[in-house]
Amino acid sequence: MSKKENVMTIQEVSRLTGLTMRTLRWYDKLQLVIPDHDPCSDYRIYRSRHLKTLQQVLFFREIGFSLAQIKEILKNPHFDRRKALETQLKALRQKKQKMDEMIHTLSLTLDEEKGIYNMKDNERFKGFDFSYNPYEAEARSMWGDKKVNEANERLQSMNNRQKEDFAASMDTLFTELAAIREMDSSSRIAQDKIKVWYELLNRMGTYTPEMFANLGNMYVDMPEFTKNIDRYGEGLARFMRDAMLAFAKQI
């Protein structure tokens, strides 16, 4: 007698993986992980094969692939799951090596601060790599190369002082937004603050209201964005998403 296959609801998969149900629905909409649907209730039903695909998606995400790239890979008729896993394992080992180097660099820096070690100049930057932007591929897939290249060119044209001013402005604004994240995201105060963010972004490129709203969705749908933004205060990414959507509808 064959063993009955275990099936899971979207709530159960969310609890199992730590992904939000919104993210799982987003993956379904993008046709990355397409669960079965109960014919009576139309609820999503996840089987073992769906969880394997979801695991594959998350491995690709972890090593820096955009959702558009992952979809293209998975839909390729020549896709080989075993080879993909071997490639991902190699990439993650390389990532671990880089992380170990950064931990070592940080430890030496801390020892220097304590006065027990003198760092050499060539030791200060081991493990750092500024040649790759993990969000750029996603941005290119959503808005095209021209928009991203334009933003990169504006950034490169800034001198160090201008870059520092931009970073300081962003840090200050995120701190101020975090302080009001419990407020109604459509309130006048929240909308005035999010307008500043819209204007600040448009110093780097040209953001239409639709692009601004899509960017807000990415803050919640992409774990990397959520983690970085929520450093200022838990729930800030979701608050900014809601405020950005409300703002985009008004302009």
C-alpha atoms as a PDB file:
ATOM      1  CA  MET A   1       0.000   0.000   0.000  1.00  0.00           C
ATOM      2  CA  SER A   2       1.489   3.308  -1.074  1.00  0.00           C
ATOM      3  CA  LYS A   3       2.061   6.019   1.511  1.00  0.00           C
ATOM      4  CA  LYS A   4      -0.431   8.867   1.359  1.00  0.00           C
ATOM      5  CA  GLU A   5       1.184  12.103   0.195  1.00  0.00           C
ATOM      6  CA  ASN A   6       1.201  14.890   2.745  1.00  0.00           C
ATOM      7  CA  VAL A   7      -0.410  18.143   1.605  1.00  0.00           C
ATOM      8  CA  MET A   8      -0.121  21.570   3.207  1.00  0.00           C
ATOM      9  CA  THR A   9      -2.100  24.791   3.186  1.00  0.00           C
ATOM     10  CA  ILE A  10      -0.493  28.153   2.462  1.00  0.00           C
ATOM     11  CA  GLN A  11      -0.649  28.950   6.199  1.00  0.00           C
ATOM     12  CA  GLU A  12       1.248  25.756   7.008  1.00  0.00           C
ATOM     13  CA  VAL A  13       3.894  26.436   4.363  1.00  0.00           C
ATOM     14  CA  SER A  14       4.272  29.961   5.709  1.00  0.00           C
ATOM     15  CA  ARG A  15       4.900  28.603   9.212  1.00  0.00           C
ATOM     16  CA  LEU A  16       7.281  25.938   7.895  1.00  0.00           C
ATOM     17  CA  THR A  17       9.424  28.280   5.797  1.00  0.00           C
ATOM     18  CA  GLY A  18       9.102  31.627   7.564  1.00  0.00           C
ATOM     19  CA  LEU A  19       7.913  33.206   4.308  1.00  0.00           C
ATOM     20  CA  THR A  20       4.839  35.403   4.480  1.00  0.00           C
ATOM     21  CA  MET A  21       1.673  34.252   2.791  1.00  0.00           C
ATOM     22  CA  ARG A  22       1.922  37.404   0.668  1.00  0.00           C
ATOM     23  CA  THR A  23       5.303  36.233  -0.631  1.00  0.00           C
ATOM     24  CA  LEU A  24       3.945  32.760  -1.388  1.00  0.00           C
ATOM     25  CA  ARG A  25       1.030  34.278  -3.290  1.00  0.00           C
ATOM     26  CA  TRP A  26       3.507  36.510  -5.145  1.00  0.00           C
ATOM     27  CA  TYR A  27       5.551  33.451  -6.180  1.00  0.00           C
ATOM     28  CA  ASP A  28       2.340  31.822  -7.393  1.00  0.00           C
ATOM     29  CA  LYS A  29       1.395  34.930  -9.374  1.00  0.00           C
ATOM     30  CA  LEU A  30       4.851  35.010 -10.962  1.00  0.00           C
ATOM     31  CA  GLN A  31       4.461  31.293 -11.805  1.00  0.00           C
ATOM     32  CA  LEU A  32       7.561  30.385  -9.827  1.00  0.00           C
ATOM     33  CA  VAL A  33       5.856  28.034  -7.364  1.00  0.00           C
ATOM     34  CA  ILE A  34       2.378  27.123  -8.560  1.00  0.00           C
ATOM     35  CA  PRO A  35       0.461  25.028  -6.005  1.00  0.00           C
ATOM     36  CA  ASP A  36      -2.624  22.996  -6.761  1.00  0.00           C
ATOM     37  CA  HIS A  37      -6.011  24.510  -5.968  1.00  0.00           C
ATOM     38  CA  ASP A  38      -8.810  22.787  -4.105  1.00  0.00           C
ATOM     39  CA  PRO A  39     -11.681  22.515  -6.625  1.00  0.00           C
ATOM     40  CA  CYS A  40     -14.266  23.208  -3.911  1.00  0.00           C
ATOM     41  CA  SER A  41     -12.701  26.083  -1.993  1.00  0.00           C
ATOM     42  CA  ASP A  42      -9.986  27.221  -4.464  1.00  0.00           C
ATOM     43  CA  TYR A  43      -7.528  27.211  -1.535  1.00  0.00           C
ATOM     44  CA  ARG A  44      -3.893  26.648  -2.424  1.00  0.00           C
ATOM     45  CA  ILE A  45      -2.614  23.119  -1.782  1.00  0.00           C
ATOM     46  CA  TYR A  46       1.128  22.478  -1.544  1.00  0.00           C
ATOM     47  CA  ARG A  47       2.537  19.022  -2.205  1.00  0.00           C
ATOM     48  CA  SER A  48       6.066  17.658  -1.918  1.00  0.00           C
ATOM     49  CA  ARG A  49       6.979  18.715  -5.460  1.00  0.00           C
ATOM     50  CA  HIS A  50       5.885  22.281  -4.742  1.00  0.00           C
ATOM     51  CA  LEU A  51       8.053  22.428  -1.615  1.00  0.00           C
ATOM     52  CA  LYS A  52      11.033  21.154  -3.610  1.00  0.00           C
ATOM     53  CA  THR A  53      10.510  23.920  -6.164  1.00  0.00           C
ATOM     54  CA  LEU A  54      10.131  26.489  -3.403  1.00  0.00           C
ATOM     55  CA  GLN A  55      13.382  25.292  -1.822  1.00  0.00           C
ATOM     56  CA  GLN A  56      15.078  25.649  -5.207  1.00  0.00           C
ATOM     57  CA  VAL A  57      13.776  29.202  -5.579  1.00  0.00           C
ATOM     58  CA  LEU A  58      15.080  30.155  -2.139  1.00  0.00           C
ATOM     59  CA  PHE A  59      18.506  28.660  -2.869  1.00  0.00           C
ATOM     60  CA  PHE A  60      18.706  30.766  -6.036  1.00  0.00           C
ATOM     61  CA  ARG A  61      17.556  33.859  -4.124  1.00  0.00           C
ATOM     62  CA  GLU A  62      20.216  33.301  -1.479  1.00  0.00           C
ATOM     63  CA  ILE A  63      23.023  33.368  -4.056  1.00  0.00           C
ATOM     64  CA  GLY A  64      21.761  36.550  -5.694  1.00  0.00           C
ATOM     65  CA  PHE A  65      19.492  35.605  -8.600  1.00  0.00           C
ATOM     66  CA  SER A  66      16.514  37.829  -9.374  1.00  0.00           C
ATOM     67  CA  LEU A  67      13.004  36.363  -9.518  1.00  0.00           C
ATOM     68  CA  ALA A  68      12.920  36.925 -13.289  1.00  0.00           C
ATOM     69  CA  GLN A  69      16.182  35.011 -13.697  1.00  0.00           C
ATOM     70  CA  ILE A  70      14.970  32.172 -11.475  1.00  0.00           C
ATOM     71  CA  LYS A  71      11.775  31.837 -13.492  1.00  0.00           C
ATOM     72  CA  GLU A  72      13.756  31.671 -16.721  1.00  0.00           C
ATOM     73  CA  ILE A  73      16.030  28.983 -15.266  1.00  0.00           C
ATOM     74  CA  LEU A  74      13.217  26.820 -13.895  1.00  0.00           C
ATOM     75  CA  LYS A  75      11.188  27.025 -17.112  1.00  0.00           C
ATOM     76  CA  ASN A  76      14.171  25.959 -19.223  1.00  0.00           C
ATOM     77  CA  PRO A  77      13.422  22.443 -20.584  1.00  0.00           C
ATOM     78  CA  HIS A  78      17.071  21.532 -19.972  1.00  0.00           C
ATOM     79  CA  PHE A  79      16.977  22.493 -16.292  1.00  0.00           C
ATOM     80  CA  ASP A  80      18.769  19.863 -14.202  1.00  0.00           C
ATOM     81  CA  ARG A  81      17.840  20.032 -10.514  1.00  0.00           C
ATOM     82  CA  ARG A  82      20.867  18.033  -9.356  1.00  0.00           C
ATOM     83  CA  LYS A  83      23.329  20.211 -11.268  1.00  0.00           C
ATOM     84  CA  ALA A  84      21.572  23.325  -9.991  1.00  0.00           C
ATOM     85  CA  LEU A  85      21.939  22.102  -6.395  1.00  0.00           C
ATOM     86  CA  GLU A  86      25.628  21.383  -6.950  1.00  0.00           C
ATOM     87  CA  THR A  87      26.134  24.882  -8.367  1.00  0.00           C
ATOM     88  CA  GLN A  88      24.226  26.456  -5.491  1.00  0.00           C
ATOM     89  CA  LEU A  89      26.252  24.507  -2.928  1.00  0.00           C
ATOM     90  CA  LYS A  90      29.476  25.745  -4.512  1.00  0.00           C
ATOM     91  CA  ALA A  91      28.202  29.346  -4.527  1.00  0.00           C
ATOM     92  CA  LEU A  92      27.107  29.183  -0.888  1.00  0.00           C
ATOM     93  CA  ARG A  93      30.492  27.783   0.138  1.00  0.00           C
ATOM     94  CA  GLN A  94      32.134  30.726  -1.615  1.00  0.00           C
ATOM     95  CA  LYS A  95      29.736  33.065   0.166  1.00  0.00           C
ATOM     96  CA  LYS A  96      30.626  31.427   3.490  1.00  0.00           C
ATOM     97  CA  GLN A  97      34.326  31.892   2.753  1.00  0.00           C
ATOM     98  CA  LYS A  98      33.735  35.579   2.056  1.00  0.00           C
ATOM     99  CA  MET A  99      31.712  35.921   5.262  1.00  0.00           C
ATOM    100  CA  ASP A 100      34.495  34.220   7.256  1.00  0.00           C
ATOM    101  CA  GLU A 101      36.974  36.720   5.795  1.00  0.00           C
ATOM    102  CA  MET A 102      34.750  39.634   6.790  1.00  0.00           C
ATOM    103  CA  ILE A 103      34.347  38.231  10.313  1.00  0.00           C
ATOM    104  CA  HIS A 104      38.136  37.982  10.579  1.00  0.00           C
ATOM    105  CA  THR A 105      38.531  41.560   9.318  1.00  0.00           C
ATOM    106  CA  LEU A 106      35.933  42.789  11.803  1.00  0.00           C
ATOM    107  CA  SER A 107      37.636  40.925  14.653  1.00  0.00           C
ATOM    108  CA  LEU A 108      40.989  42.525  13.821  1.00  0.00           C
ATOM    109  CA  THR A 109      39.297  45.940  13.620  1.00  0.00           C
ATOM    110  CA  LEU A 110      37.786  45.416  17.058  1.00  0.00           C
ATOM    111  CA  ASP A 111      41.176  44.336  18.436  1.00  0.00           C
ATOM    112  CA  GLU A 112      42.644  47.540  16.999  1.00  0.00           C
ATOM    113  CA  GLU A 113      39.957  49.580  18.746  1.00  0.00           C
ATOM    114  CA  LYS A 114      40.903  47.850  21.999  1.00  0.00           C
ATOM    115  CA  GLY A 115      44.557  48.772  21.432  1.00  0.00           C
ATOM    116  CA  ILE A 116      45.823  45.201  21.207  1.00  0.00           C
ATOM    117  CA  TYR A 117      46.493  45.050  17.461  1.00  0.00           C
ATOM    118  CA  ASN A 118      47.729  47.377  14.717  1.00  0.00           C
ATOM    119  CA  MET A 119      45.990  46.693  11.407  1.00  0.00           C
ATOM    120  CA  LYS A 120      47.848  46.899   8.126  1.00  0.00           C
ATOM    121  CA  ASP A 121      46.167  48.883   5.365  1.00  0.00           C
ATOM    122  CA  ASN A 122      45.772  45.796   3.170  1.00  0.00           C
ATOM    123  CA  GLU A 123      43.930  44.006   6.003  1.00  0.00           C
ATOM    124  CA  ARG A 124      41.169  46.575   6.392  1.00  0.00           C
ATOM    125  CA  PHE A 125      39.157  45.627   3.319  1.00  0.00           C
ATOM    126  CA  LYS A 126      39.497  41.847   3.089  1.00  0.00           C
ATOM    127  CA  GLY A 127      36.134  40.229   2.442  1.00  0.00           C
ATOM    128  CA  PHE A 128      34.482  43.349   1.053  1.00  0.00           C
ATOM    129  CA  ASP A 129      33.180  43.304  -2.515  1.00  0.00           C
ATOM    130  CA  PHE A 130      31.487  46.407  -3.911  1.00  0.00           C
ATOM    131  CA  SER A 131      31.282  45.143  -7.477  1.00  0.00           C
ATOM    132  CA  TYR A 132      27.846  43.517  -7.022  1.00  0.00           C
ATOM    133  CA  ASN A 133      24.543  45.103  -6.079  1.00  0.00           C
ATOM    134  CA  PRO A 134      22.062  42.340  -5.027  1.00  0.00           C
ATOM    135  CA  TYR A 135      19.058  44.539  -5.940  1.00  0.00           C
ATOM    136  CA  GLU A 136      20.264  45.641  -9.357  1.00  0.00           C
ATOM    137  CA  ALA A 137      19.226  42.488 -11.224  1.00  0.00           C
ATOM    138  CA  GLU A 138      15.736  42.738  -9.728  1.00  0.00           C
ATOM    139  CA  ALA A 139      15.491  46.392 -10.688  1.00  0.00           C
ATOM    140  CA  ARG A 140      16.606  45.662 -14.248  1.00  0.00           C
ATOM    141  CA  SER A 141      13.999  42.915 -14.611  1.00  0.00           C
ATOM    142  CA  MET A 142      11.251  45.292 -13.436  1.00  0.00           C
ATOM    143  CA  TRP A 143      12.220  48.611 -15.003  1.00  0.00           C
ATOM    144  CA  GLY A 144      14.728  47.844 -17.745  1.00  0.00           C
ATOM    145  CA  ASP A 145      18.416  48.528 -18.247  1.00  0.00           C
ATOM    146  CA  LYS A 146      18.003  52.179 -19.241  1.00  0.00           C
ATOM    147  CA  LYS A 147      16.499  53.261 -15.899  1.00  0.00           C
ATOM    148  CA  VAL A 148      19.053  51.354 -13.835  1.00  0.00           C
ATOM    149  CA  ASN A 149      21.976  52.601 -15.935  1.00  0.00           C
ATOM    150  CA  GLU A 150      20.712  56.149 -15.511  1.00  0.00           C
ATOM    151  CA  ALA A 151      20.624  55.775 -11.729  1.00  0.00           C
ATOM    152  CA  ASN A 152      24.096  54.219 -11.683  1.00  0.00           C
ATOM    153  CA  GLU A 153      25.479  57.040 -13.806  1.00  0.00           C
ATOM    154  CA  ARG A 154      24.035  59.664 -11.468  1.00  0.00           C
ATOM    155  CA  LEU A 155      25.544  57.882  -8.494  1.00  0.00           C
ATOM    156  CA  GLN A 156      28.956  57.632 -10.138  1.00  0.00           C
ATOM    157  CA  SER A 157      28.863  61.317 -11.080  1.00  0.00           C
ATOM    158  CA  MET A 158      28.575  62.303  -7.405  1.00  0.00           C
ATOM    159  CA  ASN A 159      31.702  63.240  -5.511  1.00  0.00           C
ATOM    160  CA  ASN A 160      32.390  61.690  -2.102  1.00  0.00           C
ATOM    161  CA  ARG A 161      30.819  64.585  -0.224  1.00  0.00           C
ATOM    162  CA  GLN A 162      27.607  64.342  -2.253  1.00  0.00           C
ATOM    163  CA  LYS A 163      27.420  60.584  -1.683  1.00  0.00           C
ATOM    164  CA  GLU A 164      27.904  61.091   2.048  1.00  0.00           C
ATOM    165  CA  ASP A 165      25.180  63.760   2.095  1.00  0.00           C
ATOM    166  CA  PHE A 166      22.781  61.455   0.244  1.00  0.00           C
ATOM    167  CA  ALA A 167      23.488  58.569   2.625  1.00  0.00           C
ATOM    168  CA  ALA A 168      23.056  60.862   5.634  1.00  0.00           C
ATOM    169  CA  SER A 169      19.750  62.193   4.276  1.00  0.00           C
ATOM    170  CA  MET A 170      18.471  58.659   3.736  1.00  0.00           C
ATOM    171  CA  ASP A 171      19.579  57.549   7.209  1.00  0.00           C
ATOM    172  CA  THR A 172      17.883  60.544   8.831  1.00  0.00           C
ATOM    173  CA  LEU A 173      14.670  60.030   6.879  1.00  0.00           C
ATOM    174  CA  PHE A 174      14.474  56.307   7.686  1.00  0.00           C
ATOM    175  CA  THR A 175      14.999  57.111  11.360  1.00  0.00           C
ATOM    176  CA  GLU A 176      12.170  59.672  11.233  1.00  0.00           C
ATOM    177  CA  LEU A 177       9.890  57.228   9.393  1.00  0.00           C
ATOM    178  CA  ALA A 178      10.634  54.533  11.964  1.00  0.00           C
ATOM    179  CA  ALA A 179       9.490  56.912  14.706  1.00  0.00           C
ATOM    180  CA  ILE A 180       6.018  57.219  13.120  1.00  0.00           C
ATOM    181  CA  ARG A 181       5.631  53.673  11.781  1.00  0.00           C
ATOM    182  CA  GLU A 182       2.740  52.972  14.167  1.00  0.00           C
ATOM    183  CA  MET A 183       0.716  55.815  12.624  1.00  0.00           C
ATOM    184  CA  ASP A 184      -1.748  55.562   9.750  1.00  0.00           C
ATOM    185  CA  SER A 185       0.423  55.305   6.619  1.00  0.00           C
ATOM    186  CA  SER A 186      -2.016  57.544   4.723  1.00  0.00           C
ATOM    187  CA  SER A 187      -1.944  60.306   7.345  1.00  0.00           C
ATOM    188  CA  ARG A 188      -0.670  63.755   6.430  1.00  0.00           C
ATOM    189  CA  ILE A 189       2.474  63.340   8.527  1.00  0.00           C
ATOM    190  CA  ALA A 190       3.333  59.966   6.960  1.00  0.00           C
ATOM    191  CA  GLN A 191       2.624  61.216   3.451  1.00  0.00           C
ATOM    192  CA  ASP A 192       4.774  64.312   3.949  1.00  0.00           C
ATOM    193  CA  LYS A 193       7.677  62.102   5.023  1.00  0.00           C
ATOM    194  CA  ILE A 194       7.235  59.601   2.208  1.00  0.00           C
ATOM    195  CA  LYS A 195       7.141  62.499  -0.259  1.00  0.00           C
ATOM    196  CA  VAL A 196      10.647  63.378   0.898  1.00  0.00           C
ATOM    197  CA  TRP A 197      11.696  59.801   0.073  1.00  0.00           C
ATOM    198  CA  TYR A 198      10.111  60.075  -3.384  1.00  0.00           C
ATOM    199  CA  GLU A 199      11.982  63.312  -4.040  1.00  0.00           C
ATOM    200  CA  LEU A 200      15.235  61.870  -2.701  1.00  0.00           C
ATOM    201  CA  LEU A 201      14.962  58.849  -5.001  1.00  0.00           C
ATOM    202  CA  ASN A 202      14.340  61.097  -7.975  1.00  0.00           C
ATOM    203  CA  ARG A 203      17.708  62.709  -7.353  1.00  0.00           C
ATOM    204  CA  MET A 204      19.170  59.322  -8.321  1.00  0.00           C
ATOM    205  CA  GLY A 205      16.919  58.504 -11.259  1.00  0.00           C
ATOM    206  CA  THR A 206      13.441  58.993 -12.678  1.00  0.00           C
ATOM    207  CA  TYR A 207      10.798  57.235 -10.605  1.00  0.00           C
ATOM    208  CA  THR A 208       7.242  57.274 -11.890  1.00  0.00           C
ATOM    209  CA  PRO A 209       4.422  56.796  -9.340  1.00  0.00           C
ATOM    210  CA  GLU A 210       4.038  53.206 -10.598  1.00  0.00           C
ATOM    211  CA  MET A 211       7.740  52.503 -10.119  1.00  0.00           C
ATOM    212  CA  PHE A 212       7.596  54.052  -6.661  1.00  0.00           C
ATOM    213  CA  ALA A 213       4.674  51.785  -5.721  1.00  0.00           C
ATOM    214  CA  ASN A 214       6.439  48.712  -7.127  1.00  0.00           C
ATOM    215  CA  LEU A 215       9.540  49.589  -5.143  1.00  0.00           C
ATOM    216  CA  GLY A 216       7.405  49.719  -2.010  1.00  0.00           C
ATOM    217  CA  ASN A 217       6.106  46.220  -2.749  1.00  0.00           C
ATOM    218  CA  MET A 218       9.686  45.008  -3.080  1.00  0.00           C
ATOM    219  CA  TYR A 219      10.407  46.266   0.440  1.00  0.00           C
ATOM    220  CA  VAL A 220       8.029  43.592   1.757  1.00  0.00           C
ATOM    221  CA  ASP A 221       8.315  40.902  -0.917  1.00  0.00           C
ATOM    222  CA  MET A 222      12.117  40.753  -0.879  1.00  0.00           C
ATOM    223  CA  PRO A 223      13.591  39.538   2.431  1.00  0.00           C
ATOM    224  CA  GLU A 224      16.845  41.418   1.770  1.00  0.00           C
ATOM    225  CA  PHE A 225      14.999  44.735   1.585  1.00  0.00           C
ATOM    226  CA  THR A 226      12.850  43.978   4.624  1.00  0.00           C
ATOM    227  CA  LYS A 227      15.845  43.016   6.741  1.00  0.00           C
ATOM    228  CA  ASN A 228      17.820  46.157   5.869  1.00  0.00           C
ATOM    229  CA  ILE A 229      14.907  48.564   6.327  1.00  0.00           C
ATOM    230  CA  ASP A 230      13.634  46.972   9.534  1.00  0.00           C
ATOM    231  CA  ARG A 231      17.019  47.637  11.124  1.00  0.00           C
ATOM    232  CA  TYR A 232      15.589  51.092  11.793  1.00  0.00           C
ATOM    233  CA  GLY A 233      12.517  49.626  13.466  1.00  0.00           C
ATOM    234  CA  GLU A 234      10.546  46.407  13.114  1.00  0.00           C
ATOM    235  CA  GLY A 235       7.647  46.855  10.719  1.00  0.00           C
ATOM    236  CA  LEU A 236       9.150  49.875   8.930  1.00  0.00           C
ATOM    237  CA  ALA A 237       9.323  48.092   5.565  1.00  0.00           C
ATOM    238  CA  ARG A 238       5.604  47.316   5.650  1.00  0.00           C
ATOM    239  CA  PHE A 239       4.756  50.845   6.819  1.00  0.00           C
ATOM    240  CA  MET A 240       6.807  52.365   3.987  1.00  0.00           C
ATOM    241  CA  ARG A 241       5.197  50.019   1.464  1.00  0.00           C
ATOM    242  CA  ASP A 242       1.719  51.122   2.518  1.00  0.00           C
ATOM    243  CA  ALA A 243       2.714  54.794   2.577  1.00  0.00           C
ATOM    244  CA  MET A 244       4.333  54.562  -0.864  1.00  0.00           C
ATOM    245  CA  LEU A 245       1.250  52.905  -2.355  1.00  0.00           C
ATOM    246  CA  ALA A 246      -0.979  55.603  -0.900  1.00  0.00           C
ATOM    247  CA  PHE A 247       1.356  58.338  -2.131  1.00  0.00           C
ATOM    248  CA  ALA A 248       1.543  56.869  -5.662  1.00  0.00           C
ATOM    249  CA  LYS A 249      -2.250  56.929  -5.957  1.00  0.00           C
ATOM    250  CA  GLN A 250      -2.352  60.666  -5.224  1.00  0.00           C
ATOM    251  CA  ILE A 251       0.225  61.921  -7.729  1.00  0.00           C
END
